[in-house]
Amino acid sequence: MDRTRRLGLSLALNVALVAVQIVAGVIAHSTGLLADAGHNVADVGALVVSLVAVRLVLQPPSAERSYGNHRATILAALANASLIALVTVVIVIESVHRLGHPETVHAGLVVVVASLGIVVNGTAALLLRDNSHDLNMRSALVHMAGDALASFAVVAAGVVLLLAPSATWLDPVSALVVAAIIVYQALNVFRGSIAVLLESTPPDVDLDRLTATMAGVEGVGEVHDLHVWSLSSEMRVLSAHLVMTGHPTLEEAQVVGEHVKAAIAGTFSIAHSTLELECERCNDEDDPCQMDRLSLVAGTRRSPE
């Protein structure tokens, strides 16, 4: 089953669950159940955004977007994290209010519906689980797994309330536990999304090892002006300058470049490499091939001497 279908099925399950939780939460006067429903409403939105992002990535590159729409999944993950944070604020406000104004909770109904939430969200998590490193899919999976855990917290509170009906404070406390789970999820997704948007070096890429691998290819004397970043969680790109040894012909240098690309493609998961082949290293105090940060801030570029 492809990602589109798995996301679509998970979306349908969560829409049905949200409807049941909202109705049951109002009837049972359960803040915990309503908080869980609110979390699932956020996840419905998250799954919709993820589904749209997956569809956008499938579109071919165009003149306006020469790399395609790979960043759509990262923007979706960032939007999901922001939506989660908003829902968390609402849950915390309502839970604190309920702590000061407790209401009798129909614990039996809470346990039944929250248990249904565990089953639905657990099933959705299994549907979304795969071996990819796609941040968009991982954020959706984390949402579902977190929902299952949050529902478990509500079930636990409901069971205690069945045994001790006077402990009405347990219901809003379970909602605050849900909020804590949501915050943890949002922070992880937010950090990962920002790292990609800032074109940070992927955390599992050792630049020293990558440089050594490239320099170890026969015909390469030096590697400089090396940059590695991610267009999405699954597509990494690289640019670098290679100083050739022995003053090869253009054809010979191109062969060396192809060998370098082959050496790093599988080991470092580099999907696209742009290599500038040089016979001699640029002679300057530093490296004139690198971006001049001061010139960029001033709005100009340093001209070669």
C-alpha atoms as a PDB file:
ATOM      1  CA  MET A   1       0.000   0.000   0.000  1.00  0.00           C
ATOM      2  CA  ASP A   2       1.499   3.383  -1.015  1.00  0.00           C
ATOM      3  CA  ARG A   3       1.791   6.429   1.241  1.00  0.00           C
ATOM      4  CA  THR A   4      -1.263   8.174  -0.197  1.00  0.00           C
ATOM      5  CA  ARG A   5      -3.554   5.267   0.605  1.00  0.00           C
ATOM      6  CA  ARG A   6      -2.090   4.734   4.078  1.00  0.00           C
ATOM      7  CA  LEU A   7      -2.532   8.409   4.919  1.00  0.00           C
ATOM      8  CA  GLY A   8      -6.069   8.396   3.499  1.00  0.00           C
ATOM      9  CA  LEU A   9      -7.116   5.375   5.550  1.00  0.00           C
ATOM     10  CA  SER A  10      -5.572   6.831   8.718  1.00  0.00           C
ATOM     11  CA  LEU A  11      -7.441  10.075   8.029  1.00  0.00           C
ATOM     12  CA  ALA A  12     -10.792   8.283   7.715  1.00  0.00           C
ATOM     13  CA  LEU A  13     -10.226   6.396  10.985  1.00  0.00           C
ATOM     14  CA  ASN A  14      -9.387   9.604  12.849  1.00  0.00           C
ATOM     15  CA  VAL A  15     -12.362  11.562  11.502  1.00  0.00           C
ATOM     16  CA  ALA A  16     -14.712   8.857  12.802  1.00  0.00           C
ATOM     17  CA  LEU A  17     -12.884   8.744  16.145  1.00  0.00           C
ATOM     18  CA  VAL A  18     -13.065  12.520  16.627  1.00  0.00           C
ATOM     19  CA  ALA A  19     -16.837  12.518  16.104  1.00  0.00           C
ATOM     20  CA  VAL A  20     -17.306   9.791  18.717  1.00  0.00           C
ATOM     21  CA  GLN A  21     -14.935  11.438  21.235  1.00  0.00           C
ATOM     22  CA  ILE A  22     -16.537  14.877  21.011  1.00  0.00           C
ATOM     23  CA  VAL A  23     -20.063  13.520  21.542  1.00  0.00           C
ATOM     24  CA  ALA A  24     -18.935  11.218  24.352  1.00  0.00           C
ATOM     25  CA  GLY A  25     -16.789  13.923  25.974  1.00  0.00           C
ATOM     26  CA  VAL A  26     -19.736  16.321  26.178  1.00  0.00           C
ATOM     27  CA  ILE A  27     -22.057  13.624  27.557  1.00  0.00           C
ATOM     28  CA  ALA A  28     -19.473  12.366  30.082  1.00  0.00           C
ATOM     29  CA  HIS A  29     -18.325  15.885  31.113  1.00  0.00           C
ATOM     30  CA  SER A  30     -14.747  14.667  30.578  1.00  0.00           C
ATOM     31  CA  THR A  31     -12.023  17.238  29.922  1.00  0.00           C
ATOM     32  CA  GLY A  32      -9.576  14.410  29.334  1.00  0.00           C
ATOM     33  CA  LEU A  33     -11.746  12.914  26.610  1.00  0.00           C
ATOM     34  CA  LEU A  34     -12.321  16.308  24.993  1.00  0.00           C
ATOM     35  CA  ALA A  35      -8.579  17.007  25.168  1.00  0.00           C
ATOM     36  CA  ASP A  36      -7.944  13.704  23.429  1.00  0.00           C
ATOM     37  CA  ALA A  37     -10.548  14.678  20.822  1.00  0.00           C
ATOM     38  CA  GLY A  38      -8.828  18.032  20.363  1.00  0.00           C
ATOM     39  CA  HIS A  39      -5.549  16.249  19.854  1.00  0.00           C
ATOM     40  CA  ASN A  40      -7.181  14.061  17.230  1.00  0.00           C
ATOM     41  CA  VAL A  41      -8.706  17.106  15.510  1.00  0.00           C
ATOM     42  CA  ALA A  42      -5.168  18.453  15.171  1.00  0.00           C
ATOM     43  CA  ASP A  43      -4.101  15.115  13.786  1.00  0.00           C
ATOM     44  CA  VAL A  44      -6.893  15.151  11.216  1.00  0.00           C
ATOM     45  CA  GLY A  45      -5.538  18.484  10.020  1.00  0.00           C
ATOM     46  CA  ALA A  46      -2.005  17.096  10.131  1.00  0.00           C
ATOM     47  CA  LEU A  47      -2.948  14.075   8.045  1.00  0.00           C
ATOM     48  CA  VAL A  48      -4.691  16.291   5.490  1.00  0.00           C
ATOM     49  CA  VAL A  49      -1.581  18.479   5.203  1.00  0.00           C
ATOM     50  CA  SER A  50       0.657  15.404   4.960  1.00  0.00           C
ATOM     51  CA  LEU A  51      -1.556  13.907   2.270  1.00  0.00           C
ATOM     52  CA  VAL A  52      -1.468  17.111   0.210  1.00  0.00           C
ATOM     53  CA  ALA A  53       2.315  17.299   0.611  1.00  0.00           C
ATOM     54  CA  VAL A  54       2.772  13.727  -0.626  1.00  0.00           C
ATOM     55  CA  ARG A  55       0.685  14.530  -3.694  1.00  0.00           C
ATOM     56  CA  LEU A  56       2.716  17.673  -4.384  1.00  0.00           C
ATOM     57  CA  VAL A  57       6.007  15.768  -4.223  1.00  0.00           C
ATOM     58  CA  LEU A  58       4.763  13.434  -6.965  1.00  0.00           C
ATOM     59  CA  GLN A  59       4.486  16.347  -9.398  1.00  0.00           C
ATOM     60  CA  PRO A  60       7.432  16.666 -11.811  1.00  0.00           C
ATOM     61  CA  PRO A  61       9.914  19.574 -11.607  1.00  0.00           C
ATOM     62  CA  SER A  62       9.022  22.733 -13.510  1.00  0.00           C
ATOM     63  CA  ALA A  63      10.736  25.917 -14.653  1.00  0.00           C
ATOM     64  CA  GLU A  64       9.525  27.658 -11.490  1.00  0.00           C
ATOM     65  CA  ARG A  65      10.533  24.750  -9.194  1.00  0.00           C
ATOM     66  CA  SER A  66      13.518  23.075 -10.795  1.00  0.00           C
ATOM     67  CA  TYR A  67      14.007  20.756  -7.807  1.00  0.00           C
ATOM     68  CA  GLY A  68      10.322  19.839  -7.694  1.00  0.00           C
ATOM     69  CA  ASN A  69       8.180  20.097  -4.567  1.00  0.00           C
ATOM     70  CA  HIS A  70      10.325  18.105  -2.132  1.00  0.00           C
ATOM     71  CA  ARG A  71      10.167  20.880   0.472  1.00  0.00           C
ATOM     72  CA  ALA A  72       6.371  20.494   0.593  1.00  0.00           C
ATOM     73  CA  THR A  73       6.715  17.598   3.051  1.00  0.00           C
ATOM     74  CA  ILE A  74       8.939  19.702   5.330  1.00  0.00           C
ATOM     75  CA  LEU A  75       6.504  22.616   5.246  1.00  0.00           C
ATOM     76  CA  ALA A  76       3.727  20.137   6.064  1.00  0.00           C
ATOM     77  CA  ALA A  77       5.668  18.840   9.067  1.00  0.00           C
ATOM     78  CA  LEU A  78       6.278  22.409  10.275  1.00  0.00           C
ATOM     79  CA  ALA A  79       2.604  23.292   9.843  1.00  0.00           C
ATOM     80  CA  ASN A  80       1.647  20.171  11.789  1.00  0.00           C
ATOM     81  CA  ALA A  81       3.951  21.106  14.674  1.00  0.00           C
ATOM     82  CA  SER A  82       2.457  24.612  14.803  1.00  0.00           C
ATOM     83  CA  LEU A  83      -1.081  23.210  14.804  1.00  0.00           C
ATOM     84  CA  ILE A  84      -0.218  20.863  17.664  1.00  0.00           C
ATOM     85  CA  ALA A  85       1.173  23.763  19.703  1.00  0.00           C
ATOM     86  CA  LEU A  86      -2.060  25.733  19.225  1.00  0.00           C
ATOM     87  CA  VAL A  87      -4.220  22.814  20.362  1.00  0.00           C
ATOM     88  CA  THR A  88      -1.971  22.347  23.401  1.00  0.00           C
ATOM     89  CA  VAL A  89      -2.635  25.902  24.590  1.00  0.00           C
ATOM     90  CA  VAL A  90      -6.391  25.347  24.403  1.00  0.00           C
ATOM     91  CA  ILE A  91      -6.143  22.040  26.304  1.00  0.00           C
ATOM     92  CA  VAL A  92      -4.018  23.537  29.089  1.00  0.00           C
ATOM     93  CA  ILE A  93      -6.360  26.519  29.567  1.00  0.00           C
ATOM     94  CA  GLU A  94      -9.445  24.299  29.782  1.00  0.00           C
ATOM     95  CA  SER A  95      -7.740  21.793  32.103  1.00  0.00           C
ATOM     96  CA  VAL A  96      -6.610  24.484  34.537  1.00  0.00           C
ATOM     97  CA  HIS A  97     -10.147  25.915  34.546  1.00  0.00           C
ATOM     98  CA  ARG A  98     -11.604  22.453  35.240  1.00  0.00           C
ATOM     99  CA  LEU A  99      -9.191  21.922  38.151  1.00  0.00           C
ATOM    100  CA  GLY A 100     -10.742  24.973  39.807  1.00  0.00           C
ATOM    101  CA  HIS A 101     -14.284  24.024  38.814  1.00  0.00           C
ATOM    102  CA  PRO A 102     -14.528  20.208  38.945  1.00  0.00           C
ATOM    103  CA  GLU A 103     -17.482  18.347  37.446  1.00  0.00           C
ATOM    104  CA  THR A 104     -18.747  14.811  37.904  1.00  0.00           C
ATOM    105  CA  VAL A 105     -17.308  12.578  35.195  1.00  0.00           C
ATOM    106  CA  HIS A 106     -19.047   9.519  33.710  1.00  0.00           C
ATOM    107  CA  ALA A 107     -15.967   7.369  34.057  1.00  0.00           C
ATOM    108  CA  GLY A 108     -17.420   4.253  32.400  1.00  0.00           C
ATOM    109  CA  LEU A 109     -18.115   6.087  29.137  1.00  0.00           C
ATOM    110  CA  VAL A 110     -14.686   7.709  29.286  1.00  0.00           C
ATOM    111  CA  VAL A 111     -12.961   4.315  29.599  1.00  0.00           C
ATOM    112  CA  VAL A 112     -14.909   2.809  26.687  1.00  0.00           C
ATOM    113  CA  VAL A 113     -14.338   5.691  24.258  1.00  0.00           C
ATOM    114  CA  ALA A 114     -10.695   6.222  25.243  1.00  0.00           C
ATOM    115  CA  SER A 115     -10.088   2.492  24.743  1.00  0.00           C
ATOM    116  CA  LEU A 116     -11.551   2.855  21.266  1.00  0.00           C
ATOM    117  CA  GLY A 117      -9.036   5.673  20.744  1.00  0.00           C
ATOM    118  CA  ILE A 118      -6.165   3.350  21.628  1.00  0.00           C
ATOM    119  CA  VAL A 119      -7.349   0.791  19.060  1.00  0.00           C
ATOM    120  CA  VAL A 120      -7.929   3.345  16.268  1.00  0.00           C
ATOM    121  CA  ASN A 121      -4.719   5.292  16.801  1.00  0.00           C
ATOM    122  CA  GLY A 122      -2.685   2.127  17.244  1.00  0.00           C
ATOM    123  CA  THR A 123      -4.046   0.823  13.930  1.00  0.00           C
ATOM    124  CA  ALA A 124      -3.292   4.137  12.210  1.00  0.00           C
ATOM    125  CA  ALA A 125       0.269   4.096  13.586  1.00  0.00           C
ATOM    126  CA  LEU A 126       0.816   0.607  12.176  1.00  0.00           C
ATOM    127  CA  LEU A 127      -0.526   1.760   8.799  1.00  0.00           C
ATOM    128  CA  LEU A 128       1.898   4.699   8.687  1.00  0.00           C
ATOM    129  CA  ARG A 129       4.932   2.763   9.875  1.00  0.00           C
ATOM    130  CA  ASP A 130       7.602   2.158   7.213  1.00  0.00           C
ATOM    131  CA  ASN A 131      11.370   2.081   6.864  1.00  0.00           C
ATOM    132  CA  SER A 132      11.712   5.529   5.287  1.00  0.00           C
ATOM    133  CA  HIS A 133      13.242   8.625   6.904  1.00  0.00           C
ATOM    134  CA  ASP A 134      10.553  10.947   5.530  1.00  0.00           C
ATOM    135  CA  LEU A 135       9.972  13.603   8.204  1.00  0.00           C
ATOM    136  CA  ASN A 136       6.448  14.157   6.935  1.00  0.00           C
ATOM    137  CA  MET A 137       5.483  10.491   7.359  1.00  0.00           C
ATOM    138  CA  ARG A 138       7.399  10.263  10.631  1.00  0.00           C
ATOM    139  CA  SER A 139       5.512  13.272  12.024  1.00  0.00           C
ATOM    140  CA  ALA A 140       2.203  11.619  11.095  1.00  0.00           C
ATOM    141  CA  LEU A 141       3.342   8.343  12.696  1.00  0.00           C
ATOM    142  CA  VAL A 142       4.439  10.135  15.876  1.00  0.00           C
ATOM    143  CA  HIS A 143       1.045  11.855  16.003  1.00  0.00           C
ATOM    144  CA  MET A 144      -0.782   8.532  15.907  1.00  0.00           C
ATOM    145  CA  ALA A 145       1.505   6.804  18.402  1.00  0.00           C
ATOM    146  CA  GLY A 146       1.245   9.813  20.724  1.00  0.00           C
ATOM    147  CA  ASP A 147      -2.542   9.724  20.404  1.00  0.00           C
ATOM    148  CA  ALA A 148      -2.592   6.084  21.447  1.00  0.00           C
ATOM    149  CA  LEU A 149      -0.454   6.938  24.487  1.00  0.00           C
ATOM    150  CA  ALA A 150      -2.659   9.921  25.332  1.00  0.00           C
ATOM    151  CA  SER A 151      -5.771   7.740  25.127  1.00  0.00           C
ATOM    152  CA  PHE A 152      -4.088   5.293  27.479  1.00  0.00           C
ATOM    153  CA  ALA A 153      -3.599   8.130  30.008  1.00  0.00           C
ATOM    154  CA  VAL A 154      -7.310   8.965  29.761  1.00  0.00           C
ATOM    155  CA  VAL A 155      -8.248   5.292  30.223  1.00  0.00           C
ATOM    156  CA  ALA A 156      -6.041   5.080  33.323  1.00  0.00           C
ATOM    157  CA  ALA A 157      -7.709   8.171  34.807  1.00  0.00           C
ATOM    158  CA  GLY A 158     -11.164   6.776  33.981  1.00  0.00           C
ATOM    159  CA  VAL A 159     -10.426   3.448  35.669  1.00  0.00           C
ATOM    160  CA  VAL A 160      -9.290   5.230  38.849  1.00  0.00           C
ATOM    161  CA  LEU A 161     -12.436   7.372  38.763  1.00  0.00           C
ATOM    162  CA  LEU A 162     -14.546   4.212  38.572  1.00  0.00           C
ATOM    163  CA  LEU A 163     -12.940   3.085  41.817  1.00  0.00           C
ATOM    164  CA  ALA A 164     -12.824   6.555  43.427  1.00  0.00           C
ATOM    165  CA  PRO A 165     -15.546   8.809  41.906  1.00  0.00           C
ATOM    166  CA  SER A 166     -14.601  11.707  44.193  1.00  0.00           C
ATOM    167  CA  ALA A 167     -11.134  12.076  42.581  1.00  0.00           C
ATOM    168  CA  THR A 168     -12.500  14.437  39.912  1.00  0.00           C
ATOM    169  CA  TRP A 169      -9.119  16.160  39.653  1.00  0.00           C
ATOM    170  CA  LEU A 170      -7.772  13.114  37.807  1.00  0.00           C
ATOM    171  CA  ASP A 171      -9.675  13.958  34.619  1.00  0.00           C
ATOM    172  CA  PRO A 172      -8.114  17.409  34.017  1.00  0.00           C
ATOM    173  CA  VAL A 173      -4.746  16.049  35.143  1.00  0.00           C
ATOM    174  CA  SER A 174      -4.993  13.353  32.453  1.00  0.00           C
ATOM    175  CA  ALA A 175      -5.696  16.170  29.960  1.00  0.00           C
ATOM    176  CA  LEU A 176      -2.503  17.931  31.091  1.00  0.00           C
ATOM    177  CA  VAL A 177      -0.613  14.662  30.551  1.00  0.00           C
ATOM    178  CA  VAL A 178      -1.993  14.615  27.006  1.00  0.00           C
ATOM    179  CA  ALA A 179      -0.794  18.202  26.559  1.00  0.00           C
ATOM    180  CA  ALA A 180       2.714  17.250  27.722  1.00  0.00           C
ATOM    181  CA  ILE A 181       2.813  14.426  25.169  1.00  0.00           C
ATOM    182  CA  ILE A 182       1.691  16.833  22.449  1.00  0.00           C
ATOM    183  CA  VAL A 183       4.399  19.376  23.323  1.00  0.00           C
ATOM    184  CA  TYR A 184       7.093  16.702  23.182  1.00  0.00           C
ATOM    185  CA  GLN A 185       5.902  15.617  19.729  1.00  0.00           C
ATOM    186  CA  ALA A 186       5.723  19.171  18.434  1.00  0.00           C
ATOM    187  CA  LEU A 187       9.236  20.076  19.565  1.00  0.00           C
ATOM    188  CA  ASN A 188      10.819  17.087  17.821  1.00  0.00           C
ATOM    189  CA  VAL A 189       9.004  17.720  14.551  1.00  0.00           C
ATOM    190  CA  PHE A 190       9.633  21.480  14.754  1.00  0.00           C
ATOM    191  CA  ARG A 191      13.379  21.044  15.281  1.00  0.00           C
ATOM    192  CA  GLY A 192      13.667  18.588  12.399  1.00  0.00           C
ATOM    193  CA  SER A 193      11.701  20.858  10.050  1.00  0.00           C
ATOM    194  CA  ILE A 194      13.735  23.967  10.899  1.00  0.00           C
ATOM    195  CA  ALA A 195      17.003  22.074  10.405  1.00  0.00           C
ATOM    196  CA  VAL A 196      15.980  21.165   6.856  1.00  0.00           C
ATOM    197  CA  LEU A 197      14.662  24.652   6.018  1.00  0.00           C
ATOM    198  CA  LEU A 198      17.932  26.197   7.254  1.00  0.00           C
ATOM    199  CA  GLU A 199      19.793  23.760   4.978  1.00  0.00           C
ATOM    200  CA  SER A 200      21.726  22.329   7.901  1.00  0.00           C
ATOM    201  CA  THR A 201      24.101  19.429   7.381  1.00  0.00           C
ATOM    202  CA  PRO A 202      22.129  16.191   7.971  1.00  0.00           C
ATOM    203  CA  PRO A 203      22.896  14.995  11.532  1.00  0.00           C
ATOM    204  CA  ASP A 204      24.105  11.567  10.403  1.00  0.00           C
ATOM    205  CA  VAL A 205      26.589  12.945   7.857  1.00  0.00           C
ATOM    206  CA  ASP A 206      30.187  13.210   9.123  1.00  0.00           C
ATOM    207  CA  LEU A 207      31.779  15.931   6.978  1.00  0.00           C
ATOM    208  CA  ASP A 208      35.328  14.750   7.756  1.00  0.00           C
ATOM    209  CA  ARG A 209      34.467  11.212   6.675  1.00  0.00           C
ATOM    210  CA  LEU A 210      32.637  12.488   3.601  1.00  0.00           C
ATOM    211  CA  THR A 211      35.618  14.652   2.612  1.00  0.00           C
ATOM    212  CA  ALA A 212      37.999  11.739   3.127  1.00  0.00           C
ATOM    213  CA  THR A 213      35.834   9.477   0.960  1.00  0.00           C
ATOM    214  CA  MET A 214      35.789  12.009  -1.860  1.00  0.00           C
ATOM    215  CA  ALA A 215      39.505  12.766  -1.580  1.00  0.00           C
ATOM    216  CA  GLY A 216      40.224   9.026  -1.573  1.00  0.00           C
ATOM    217  CA  VAL A 217      38.999   8.641  -5.154  1.00  0.00           C
ATOM    218  CA  GLU A 218      41.914   8.304  -7.551  1.00  0.00           C
ATOM    219  CA  GLY A 219      42.532  11.565  -9.387  1.00  0.00           C
ATOM    220  CA  VAL A 220      41.240  13.844  -6.594  1.00  0.00           C
ATOM    221  CA  GLY A 221      43.906  15.927  -4.892  1.00  0.00           C
ATOM    222  CA  GLU A 222      41.742  18.078  -2.662  1.00  0.00           C
ATOM    223  CA  VAL A 223      38.130  18.793  -1.737  1.00  0.00           C
ATOM    224  CA  HIS A 224      36.975  22.256  -0.666  1.00  0.00           C
ATOM    225  CA  ASP A 225      33.876  24.469  -0.555  1.00  0.00           C
ATOM    226  CA  LEU A 226      31.867  21.396   0.454  1.00  0.00           C
ATOM    227  CA  HIS A 227      28.163  21.804   1.251  1.00  0.00           C
ATOM    228  CA  VAL A 228      25.605  19.112   2.084  1.00  0.00           C
ATOM    229  CA  TRP A 229      21.950  19.819   2.831  1.00  0.00           C
ATOM    230  CA  SER A 230      18.479  18.301   2.497  1.00  0.00           C
ATOM    231  CA  LEU A 231      15.648  19.250   0.188  1.00  0.00           C
ATOM    232  CA  SER A 232      13.455  16.863   2.145  1.00  0.00           C
ATOM    233  CA  SER A 233      13.950  14.104   4.688  1.00  0.00           C
ATOM    234  CA  GLU A 234      14.718  11.679   1.876  1.00  0.00           C
ATOM    235  CA  MET A 235      16.553  13.815  -0.692  1.00  0.00           C
ATOM    236  CA  ARG A 236      20.035  15.137   0.048  1.00  0.00           C
ATOM    237  CA  VAL A 237      22.116  17.271  -2.261  1.00  0.00           C
ATOM    238  CA  LEU A 238      25.792  18.173  -2.319  1.00  0.00           C
ATOM    239  CA  SER A 239      28.024  20.726  -3.957  1.00  0.00           C
ATOM    240  CA  ALA A 240      31.814  20.792  -3.809  1.00  0.00           C
ATOM    241  CA  HIS A 241      34.976  21.850  -5.620  1.00  0.00           C
ATOM    242  CA  LEU A 242      37.451  19.111  -6.533  1.00  0.00           C
ATOM    243  CA  VAL A 243      41.088  19.825  -7.352  1.00  0.00           C
ATOM    244  CA  MET A 244      42.278  17.258  -9.893  1.00  0.00           C
ATOM    245  CA  THR A 245      45.772  15.764  -9.877  1.00  0.00           C
ATOM    246  CA  GLY A 246      47.979  15.494 -12.956  1.00  0.00           C
ATOM    247  CA  HIS A 247      46.161  18.113 -15.072  1.00  0.00           C
ATOM    248  CA  PRO A 248      43.738  15.674 -16.726  1.00  0.00           C
ATOM    249  CA  THR A 249      41.756  16.364 -19.880  1.00  0.00           C
ATOM    250  CA  LEU A 250      38.117  17.385 -19.582  1.00  0.00           C
ATOM    251  CA  GLU A 251      36.964  13.859 -20.390  1.00  0.00           C
ATOM    252  CA  GLU A 252      39.324  12.348 -17.796  1.00  0.00           C
ATOM    253  CA  ALA A 253      38.210  14.858 -15.153  1.00  0.00           C
ATOM    254  CA  GLN A 254      34.556  14.042 -15.824  1.00  0.00           C
ATOM    255  CA  VAL A 255      35.263  10.344 -15.290  1.00  0.00           C
ATOM    256  CA  VAL A 256      36.843  11.162 -11.915  1.00  0.00           C
ATOM    257  CA  GLY A 257      33.787  13.241 -11.026  1.00  0.00           C
ATOM    258  CA  GLU A 258      31.476  10.327 -11.819  1.00  0.00           C
ATOM    259  CA  HIS A 259      33.569   8.060  -9.594  1.00  0.00           C
ATOM    260  CA  VAL A 260      33.250  10.546  -6.742  1.00  0.00           C
ATOM    261  CA  LYS A 261      29.467  10.687  -7.152  1.00  0.00           C
ATOM    262  CA  ALA A 262      29.275   6.890  -7.117  1.00  0.00           C
ATOM    263  CA  ALA A 263      31.464   6.705  -3.986  1.00  0.00           C
ATOM    264  CA  ILE A 264      29.189   8.969  -1.928  1.00  0.00           C
ATOM    265  CA  ALA A 265      25.734   8.192  -3.332  1.00  0.00           C
ATOM    266  CA  GLY A 266      25.024   5.010  -1.402  1.00  0.00           C
ATOM    267  CA  THR A 267      27.147   5.481   1.719  1.00  0.00           C
ATOM    268  CA  PHE A 268      25.906   8.991   2.491  1.00  0.00           C
ATOM    269  CA  SER A 269      22.523   8.841   0.689  1.00  0.00           C
ATOM    270  CA  ILE A 270      23.427  11.770  -1.580  1.00  0.00           C
ATOM    271  CA  ALA A 271      20.750  11.906  -4.285  1.00  0.00           C
ATOM    272  CA  HIS A 272      22.150  14.820  -6.301  1.00  0.00           C
ATOM    273  CA  SER A 273      25.748  16.082  -6.508  1.00  0.00           C
ATOM    274  CA  THR A 274      27.118  19.169  -8.240  1.00  0.00           C
ATOM    275  CA  LEU A 275      30.903  19.080  -8.571  1.00  0.00           C
ATOM    276  CA  GLU A 276      33.162  21.816  -9.905  1.00  0.00           C
ATOM    277  CA  LEU A 277      36.359  20.277 -11.265  1.00  0.00           C
ATOM    278  CA  GLU A 278      39.546  22.352 -10.967  1.00  0.00           C
ATOM    279  CA  CYS A 279      43.082  21.790 -12.242  1.00  0.00           C
ATOM    280  CA  GLU A 280      44.527  24.152  -9.625  1.00  0.00           C
ATOM    281  CA  ARG A 281      43.237  25.352  -6.303  1.00  0.00           C
ATOM    282  CA  CYS A 282      42.144  28.966  -6.096  1.00  0.00           C
ATOM    283  CA  ASN A 283      45.071  31.056  -4.844  1.00  0.00           C
ATOM    284  CA  ASP A 284      43.927  33.393  -2.137  1.00  0.00           C
ATOM    285  CA  GLU A 285      44.321  33.968   1.591  1.00  0.00           C
ATOM    286  CA  ASP A 286      41.300  31.841   2.357  1.00  0.00           C
ATOM    287  CA  ASP A 287      38.995  30.202  -0.156  1.00  0.00           C
ATOM    288  CA  PRO A 288      37.538  32.609  -2.750  1.00  0.00           C
ATOM    289  CA  CYS A 289      35.066  29.930  -3.812  1.00  0.00           C
ATOM    290  CA  GLN A 290      33.190  30.238  -0.535  1.00  0.00           C
ATOM    291  CA  MET A 291      30.372  32.719  -0.045  1.00  0.00           C
ATOM    292  CA  ASP A 292      31.573  36.055   1.290  1.00  0.00           C
ATOM    293  CA  ARG A 293      29.175  36.633   4.198  1.00  0.00           C
ATOM    294  CA  LEU A 294      30.027  40.325   4.590  1.00  0.00           C
ATOM    295  CA  SER A 295      29.435  40.973   0.893  1.00  0.00           C
ATOM    296  CA  LEU A 296      26.121  39.125   0.997  1.00  0.00           C
ATOM    297  CA  VAL A 297      24.963  41.203   3.961  1.00  0.00           C
ATOM    298  CA  ALA A 298      25.909  44.368   2.072  1.00  0.00           C
ATOM    299  CA  GLY A 299      24.006  43.149  -0.983  1.00  0.00           C
ATOM    300  CA  THR A 300      27.036  42.747  -3.228  1.00  0.00           C
ATOM    301  CA  ARG A 301      29.315  39.914  -4.314  1.00  0.00           C
ATOM    302  CA  ARG A 302      33.086  39.927  -4.256  1.00  0.00           C
ATOM    303  CA  SER A 303      34.515  40.056  -7.764  1.00  0.00           C
ATOM    304  CA  PRO A 304      37.439  37.751  -8.627  1.00  0.00           C
ATOM    305  CA  GLU A 305      40.833  39.382  -8.904  1.00  0.00           C
END
